[in-house]
Protein backbone atom coordinates (compact mmCIF):
# COMPACT_ATOMS: atom_id res chain seq x y z
CA MET A 1 225.74 119.71 19.86
CA VAL A 2 226.49 121.09 16.40
CA SER A 3 224.98 124.44 15.46
CA GLN A 4 224.01 123.24 11.98
CA LYS A 5 220.85 121.33 11.22
CA VAL A 6 221.47 117.60 10.86
CA ALA A 7 220.05 115.55 8.01
CA VAL A 8 220.03 111.76 8.31
CA ILE A 9 219.96 109.99 4.96
CA THR A 10 219.76 106.24 4.41
CA GLY A 11 221.29 104.91 1.21
CA GLY A 12 223.01 108.25 0.73
CA THR A 13 226.12 107.18 -1.16
CA ARG A 14 224.71 106.47 -4.60
CA GLY A 15 221.81 107.22 -6.92
CA ILE A 16 218.93 109.23 -5.50
CA GLY A 17 220.43 109.20 -2.01
CA LEU A 18 223.65 110.76 -3.24
CA GLY A 19 221.70 113.43 -5.08
CA ILE A 20 219.88 114.25 -1.84
CA ALA A 21 223.12 114.27 0.14
CA ARG A 22 224.74 116.68 -2.30
CA LYS A 23 221.81 119.08 -2.07
CA MET A 24 221.64 118.98 1.72
CA ALA A 25 225.38 119.53 1.95
CA GLU A 26 224.97 122.50 -0.38
CA GLU A 27 222.33 123.77 2.07
CA ASP A 28 224.98 123.57 4.85
CA CYS A 29 223.43 120.68 6.76
CA ALA A 30 225.60 118.30 8.74
CA LEU A 31 225.01 114.81 7.34
CA ALA A 32 224.69 111.35 8.82
CA ILE A 33 224.61 108.70 6.11
CA MET A 34 223.98 104.99 6.42
CA SER A 35 224.40 102.41 3.69
CA ARG A 36 225.47 98.80 3.28
CA SER A 37 228.67 99.70 1.41
CA SER A 38 232.01 99.68 3.16
CA GLU A 39 233.49 103.13 3.65
CA GLU A 40 236.38 102.22 1.35
CA ASN A 41 234.02 101.39 -1.53
CA VAL A 42 232.23 104.74 -1.33
CA ARG A 43 235.17 106.91 -0.34
CA ASN A 44 235.11 109.00 -3.53
CA ASN A 45 231.45 109.92 -3.07
CA LEU A 46 231.97 110.67 0.62
CA ASN A 47 234.92 112.91 -0.23
CA GLU A 48 232.75 114.76 -2.72
CA ILE A 49 230.18 115.42 0.02
CA LYS A 50 232.91 116.49 2.46
CA SER A 51 234.17 119.01 -0.11
CA PHE A 52 231.17 121.19 0.80
CA GLY A 53 232.85 121.73 4.16
CA ILE A 54 230.10 120.20 6.26
CA PRO A 55 230.43 117.67 9.14
CA LEU A 56 229.81 114.14 7.90
CA LEU A 57 229.19 110.88 9.75
CA TYR A 58 229.19 107.68 7.74
CA TYR A 59 227.99 104.35 9.08
CA SER A 60 228.14 101.07 7.17
CA GLY A 61 225.31 98.75 8.15
CA SER A 62 222.12 97.05 7.08
CA LEU A 63 218.85 98.89 7.55
CA ALA A 64 217.20 95.50 8.08
CA ASP A 65 219.31 94.87 11.20
CA SER A 66 217.95 96.30 14.47
CA ASN A 67 221.44 96.46 15.98
CA CYS A 68 222.67 98.53 13.04
CA ARG A 69 219.72 100.92 13.34
CA ARG A 70 220.34 101.37 17.06
CA THR A 71 224.09 101.85 16.63
CA PHE A 72 223.56 104.37 13.82
CA CYS A 73 221.23 106.49 15.95
CA ASP A 74 223.60 106.30 18.92
CA LYS A 75 226.49 107.48 16.76
CA ILE A 76 224.45 110.38 15.39
CA MET A 77 223.48 111.62 18.83
CA ASN A 78 226.98 111.16 20.22
CA ARG A 79 228.51 113.07 17.30
CA PHE A 80 225.89 115.74 16.59
CA GLY A 81 223.45 115.74 19.49
CA ARG A 82 220.43 116.38 17.27
CA ILE A 83 218.40 115.15 14.30
CA ASP A 84 216.46 117.72 12.26
CA PHE A 85 215.62 115.74 9.13
CA LEU A 86 215.27 112.03 8.45
CA VAL A 87 215.30 111.06 4.77
CA ASN A 88 214.33 107.41 4.37
CA ASN A 89 215.80 106.73 0.97
CA ALA A 90 217.49 103.32 1.21
CA GLY A 91 215.86 100.62 -0.85
CA VAL A 92 216.68 97.54 -2.88
CA ALA A 93 215.16 95.91 -5.92
CA PRO A 94 214.77 92.14 -6.21
CA LYS A 95 218.06 90.46 -7.01
CA GLU A 96 216.25 88.79 -9.90
CA ARG A 97 213.06 90.01 -11.53
CA LYS A 98 210.50 87.22 -11.55
CA ASP A 99 206.84 86.97 -12.43
CA LEU A 100 204.49 87.26 -9.47
CA LEU A 101 203.64 83.55 -9.77
CA GLU A 102 207.33 82.64 -9.44
CA MET A 103 208.50 85.14 -6.80
CA THR A 104 210.36 83.38 -3.99
CA GLU A 105 209.78 83.89 -0.30
CA GLU A 106 213.50 84.61 0.04
CA SER A 107 213.29 87.49 -2.44
CA TYR A 108 210.14 88.85 -0.79
CA ASN A 109 211.71 88.83 2.68
CA TYR A 110 214.91 90.43 1.38
CA VAL A 111 213.12 93.38 -0.24
CA ILE A 112 210.51 93.86 2.50
CA GLY A 113 213.12 93.51 5.24
CA ILE A 114 215.08 96.51 3.99
CA ASN A 115 212.57 98.68 2.17
CA LEU A 116 209.64 98.39 4.56
CA ASN A 117 210.62 96.87 7.91
CA GLY A 118 213.91 98.73 8.14
CA THR A 119 212.32 102.02 7.16
CA PHE A 120 209.47 101.64 9.65
CA PHE A 121 211.62 100.80 12.65
CA LEU A 122 214.28 103.44 11.90
CA THR A 123 211.49 106.00 11.59
CA GLN A 124 210.04 104.83 14.90
CA LYS A 125 213.40 105.23 16.64
CA VAL A 126 214.19 108.62 15.13
CA ALA A 127 210.66 109.87 15.77
CA ASN A 128 211.13 109.27 19.49
CA ILE A 129 214.40 111.21 19.39
CA MET A 130 212.64 114.06 17.58
CA ILE A 131 209.82 114.12 20.14
CA ARG A 132 212.35 114.57 22.95
CA GLU A 133 214.00 117.38 20.97
CA VAL A 134 210.72 119.22 20.45
CA LYS A 135 209.83 118.91 24.13
CA GLU A 136 213.17 120.49 25.05
CA ASN A 137 212.98 123.17 22.35
CA PRO A 138 209.52 123.80 20.82
CA LYS A 139 211.05 126.15 18.22
CA ILE A 140 212.68 123.36 16.22
CA LYS A 141 210.68 121.77 13.40
CA PRO A 142 211.93 118.25 12.61
CA LYS A 143 210.76 116.59 9.42
CA ILE A 144 210.62 113.05 8.08
CA ILE A 145 210.76 112.44 4.33
CA ASN A 146 210.10 109.02 2.82
CA ILE A 147 211.33 108.32 -0.70
CA SER A 148 208.90 105.87 -2.27
CA SER A 149 208.38 105.25 -6.00
CA ILE A 150 205.77 105.39 -8.73
CA ASN A 151 205.60 101.66 -8.01
CA SER A 152 203.69 102.46 -4.82
CA CYS A 153 200.69 102.89 -7.12
CA THR A 154 201.90 101.46 -10.46
CA ILE A 155 202.00 97.70 -10.92
CA SER A 156 205.03 95.75 -12.16
CA VAL A 157 204.12 92.06 -11.99
CA ASN A 158 207.75 91.02 -12.43
CA ARG A 159 208.80 92.70 -9.18
CA GLY A 160 205.77 92.47 -6.96
CA GLU A 161 207.82 92.52 -3.74
CA TYR A 162 209.19 95.94 -4.68
CA CYS A 163 205.71 97.33 -5.41
CA ILE A 164 204.39 96.03 -2.10
CA SER A 165 207.29 97.57 -0.20
CA LYS A 166 206.76 100.98 -1.80
CA ALA A 167 203.00 100.89 -1.24
CA GLY A 168 203.83 100.20 2.39
CA ILE A 169 206.05 103.29 2.49
CA SER A 170 203.01 105.35 1.48
CA MET A 171 201.06 104.01 4.47
CA ILE A 172 204.03 104.55 6.81
CA THR A 173 204.00 108.18 5.73
CA GLN A 174 200.33 108.62 6.56
CA LEU A 175 200.55 106.79 9.87
CA PHE A 176 203.47 108.79 11.20
CA ALA A 177 202.05 112.05 9.80
CA VAL A 178 198.98 111.62 12.01
CA ARG A 179 200.85 110.28 15.04
CA LEU A 180 203.53 112.99 15.10
CA ALA A 181 201.44 116.03 14.19
CA GLN A 182 200.85 116.96 17.83
CA TRP A 183 204.58 117.60 18.20
CA GLY A 184 204.85 119.63 15.00
CA ILE A 185 206.82 116.89 13.25
CA ASN A 186 205.68 116.77 9.64
CA VAL A 187 206.03 113.70 7.45
CA TYR A 188 206.15 113.67 3.66
CA GLU A 189 206.42 111.20 0.80
CA ILE A 190 208.38 111.95 -2.34
CA ARG A 191 207.38 109.64 -5.17
CA PRO A 192 210.11 109.50 -7.85
CA GLY A 193 209.37 108.42 -11.39
CA ILE A 194 211.89 107.07 -13.88
CA ILE A 195 215.20 108.28 -12.41
CA GLN A 196 218.59 107.64 -13.97
CA THR A 197 220.43 105.50 -11.40
CA ASP A 198 222.23 102.17 -11.15
CA MET A 199 218.92 100.51 -10.32
CA THR A 200 217.30 101.59 -13.58
CA SER A 201 220.41 101.03 -15.71
CA VAL A 202 219.49 97.37 -16.19
CA VAL A 203 216.32 98.40 -18.05
CA LYS A 204 217.69 101.55 -19.67
CA ASP A 205 216.67 100.61 -23.21
CA LYS A 206 213.11 99.90 -22.12
CA TYR A 207 212.79 103.24 -20.33
CA ASN A 208 214.43 105.15 -23.18
CA ARG A 209 211.73 103.76 -25.47
CA LEU A 210 208.89 104.52 -23.04
CA ILE A 211 210.09 108.09 -22.49
CA LYS A 212 210.40 108.62 -26.24
CA GLU A 213 206.84 107.31 -26.63
CA GLY A 214 205.58 109.85 -24.09
CA VAL A 215 205.10 107.87 -20.88
CA ASN A 216 206.01 111.14 -19.10
CA PRO A 217 204.47 114.43 -20.24
CA ILE A 218 207.88 115.96 -19.43
CA CYS A 219 209.82 113.95 -21.96
CA ARG A 220 213.11 113.15 -20.24
CA TRP A 221 214.70 110.98 -17.58
CA GLY A 222 214.58 112.23 -14.03
CA TYR A 223 217.87 112.73 -12.19
CA PRO A 224 218.88 112.30 -8.54
CA GLU A 225 219.22 116.08 -8.21
CA ASP A 226 215.51 116.43 -9.04
CA ILE A 227 214.72 114.50 -5.87
CA GLY A 228 217.33 116.46 -3.93
CA LYS A 229 215.60 119.72 -4.85
CA ALA A 230 212.25 118.43 -3.60
CA VAL A 231 213.81 117.37 -0.29
CA SER A 232 215.38 120.83 0.01
CA VAL A 233 212.01 122.55 -0.42
CA ILE A 234 210.48 120.45 2.35
CA CYS A 235 213.39 121.05 4.71
CA SER A 236 213.24 124.80 4.06
CA GLY A 237 209.93 124.99 5.92
CA SER A 238 208.02 126.16 2.85
CA LEU A 239 205.46 123.35 3.28
CA ASP A 240 204.98 123.54 7.04
CA PHE A 241 201.16 123.54 6.80
CA SER A 242 201.26 120.23 4.94
CA THR A 243 201.83 116.75 6.34
CA GLY A 244 201.24 113.29 4.93
CA GLU A 245 201.58 114.91 1.53
CA VAL A 246 202.71 113.01 -1.58
CA ILE A 247 205.03 114.99 -3.84
CA ASN A 248 205.34 113.42 -7.28
CA VAL A 249 208.71 113.98 -8.92
CA ASP A 250 207.97 111.94 -12.01
CA GLY A 251 207.73 114.22 -15.01
CA GLY A 252 203.94 114.02 -14.83
CA PHE A 253 203.85 110.22 -15.08
CA HIS A 254 201.04 110.02 -12.50
CA LEU A 255 198.62 112.10 -14.60
CA ARG A 256 195.84 110.05 -16.17
CA ARG A 257 195.24 110.71 -19.83
CA LEU A 258 192.73 109.57 -22.45
């Protein structure tokens, strides 16, 4: 078993996930990262993470595949022997944005299969590992952090499947927060706003205009490192008397104004 705390991050090789991975590596956590990309395609980003001098396990697989989830967890325990933090970050947008009345069942199943089903069942598996850890050593304080989106409570009718998946993440957070509290395993939701990533690059002009018009009280794009900082605060233990909490990292987007 490694002496360092181990952070498991899904989708940790790009965008928000990479920002989280960088911050956790900076905090001297060993990392286990899963994404769909081949190791060769993300080698530069993995090398950047390794440059912090921390142990790193990378697994290429689909979060929607139960065999991949099981293999990933087995590899983590064989390599590190522990899981301290699970950061459920992996998520996909529809391959093609379509109006709600034209959304295909194929697109719905694709998004829900990864964003919601995959997240739920990986959380279930890791939660059982964490429970065993706590029973063996009550001093450890595992945490689960779900990265959702402002679309968990903000409607986009041209990507309804994405909104539904993120609203589901909010309920997953609450369910596991209640179920795991007896073991001292806290569960949190971080709700990013408009974050500068590959996913938002396709609508960059639209978001530039909205930000300029004041859609966020804090008038700028968010960055992956903003989410990484929020994850770091949770993992530090500073919020240990909170669970099921939603942390908005959205520049104030969620605030209602007249």
